[in-house]
Protein backbone atom coordinates (compact mmCIF):
# COMPACT_ATOMS: atom_id res chain seq x y z
CA MET A 1 -1.08 -12.74 6.02
CA GLN A 2 0.96 -12.79 2.85
CA VAL A 3 0.72 -10.22 0.04
CA ARG A 4 2.85 -9.33 -2.96
CA LEU A 5 4.34 -5.89 -2.27
CA ASN A 6 6.18 -4.29 -5.19
CA GLY A 7 6.77 -7.76 -6.61
CA GLU A 8 8.01 -9.40 -3.39
CA LEU A 9 6.08 -11.69 -1.05
CA ARG A 10 5.72 -10.02 2.36
CA GLU A 11 3.96 -10.75 5.63
CA VAL A 12 1.66 -7.94 6.76
CA PRO A 13 -0.83 -7.66 9.64
CA GLU A 14 -4.19 -9.37 9.07
CA GLY A 15 -6.97 -7.00 7.95
CA VAL A 16 -4.68 -3.99 7.53
CA THR A 17 -5.84 -0.96 5.55
CA VAL A 18 -3.72 0.87 2.98
CA ALA A 19 -3.08 3.60 5.60
CA GLY A 20 -2.12 0.95 8.16
CA LEU A 21 0.22 -0.75 5.70
CA LEU A 22 1.95 2.53 4.89
CA GLY A 23 2.36 3.20 8.61
CA HIS A 24 3.65 -0.35 9.18
CA LEU A 25 6.23 0.23 6.44
CA GLY A 26 7.14 3.73 7.67
CA VAL A 27 6.06 5.31 4.37
CA LYS A 28 4.64 8.86 4.28
CA ALA A 29 1.24 8.66 2.56
CA GLN A 30 1.43 12.10 0.96
CA ARG A 31 4.51 11.11 -1.06
CA VAL A 32 3.27 7.88 -2.67
CA ALA A 33 0.74 6.43 -5.08
CA VAL A 34 -0.79 3.04 -4.23
CA GLU A 35 -2.34 0.35 -6.42
CA VAL A 36 -4.10 -2.72 -5.06
CA ASN A 37 -4.67 -5.49 -7.62
CA ASP A 38 -3.92 -3.05 -10.48
CA ALA A 39 -6.51 -0.50 -9.27
CA VAL A 40 -5.34 2.92 -8.07
CA VAL A 41 -6.39 3.67 -4.49
CA THR A 42 -7.08 7.38 -3.99
CA LYS A 43 -5.76 9.01 -0.82
CA ASP A 44 -9.30 9.55 0.50
CA ARG A 45 -9.73 5.75 0.57
CA TYR A 46 -6.44 4.86 2.34
CA GLU A 47 -8.18 4.58 5.74
CA SER A 48 -11.04 2.38 4.47
CA GLN A 49 -9.39 0.24 1.76
CA ARG A 50 -8.59 -3.14 3.31
CA ILE A 51 -5.74 -5.34 2.10
CA GLY A 52 -6.59 -9.01 1.66
CA SER A 53 -4.45 -12.12 1.73
CA GLY A 54 -2.84 -12.65 -1.67
CA ASP A 55 -3.43 -9.08 -2.84
CA SER A 56 -0.86 -7.44 -5.08
CA ILE A 57 0.17 -3.98 -3.86
CA GLU A 58 2.36 -1.49 -5.68
CA ILE A 59 3.66 1.54 -3.79
CA VAL A 60 5.36 4.17 -5.92
CA ALA A 61 7.22 7.03 -4.23
CA PHE A 62 7.23 10.48 -5.77
CA VAL A 63 10.65 12.08 -6.03
CA GLY A 64 10.80 15.85 -6.24
CA GLY A 65 13.11 17.60 -8.65
CA GLY A 66 14.74 20.95 -8.46
């Protein structure tokens, strides 16, 4: 199915969860914040929050400073 991921159209597996999408993309969940359709998804909902066709997903990576 097609979604908009960080502003770009992407094909992702049908019925994937936020956790599944992060795994599919090779992104470490503890280092990102995720929004689906402009709503923040908390980490405790990554396993249950399903992504739907046409959804808009923003994944923002945290960068540590020294």
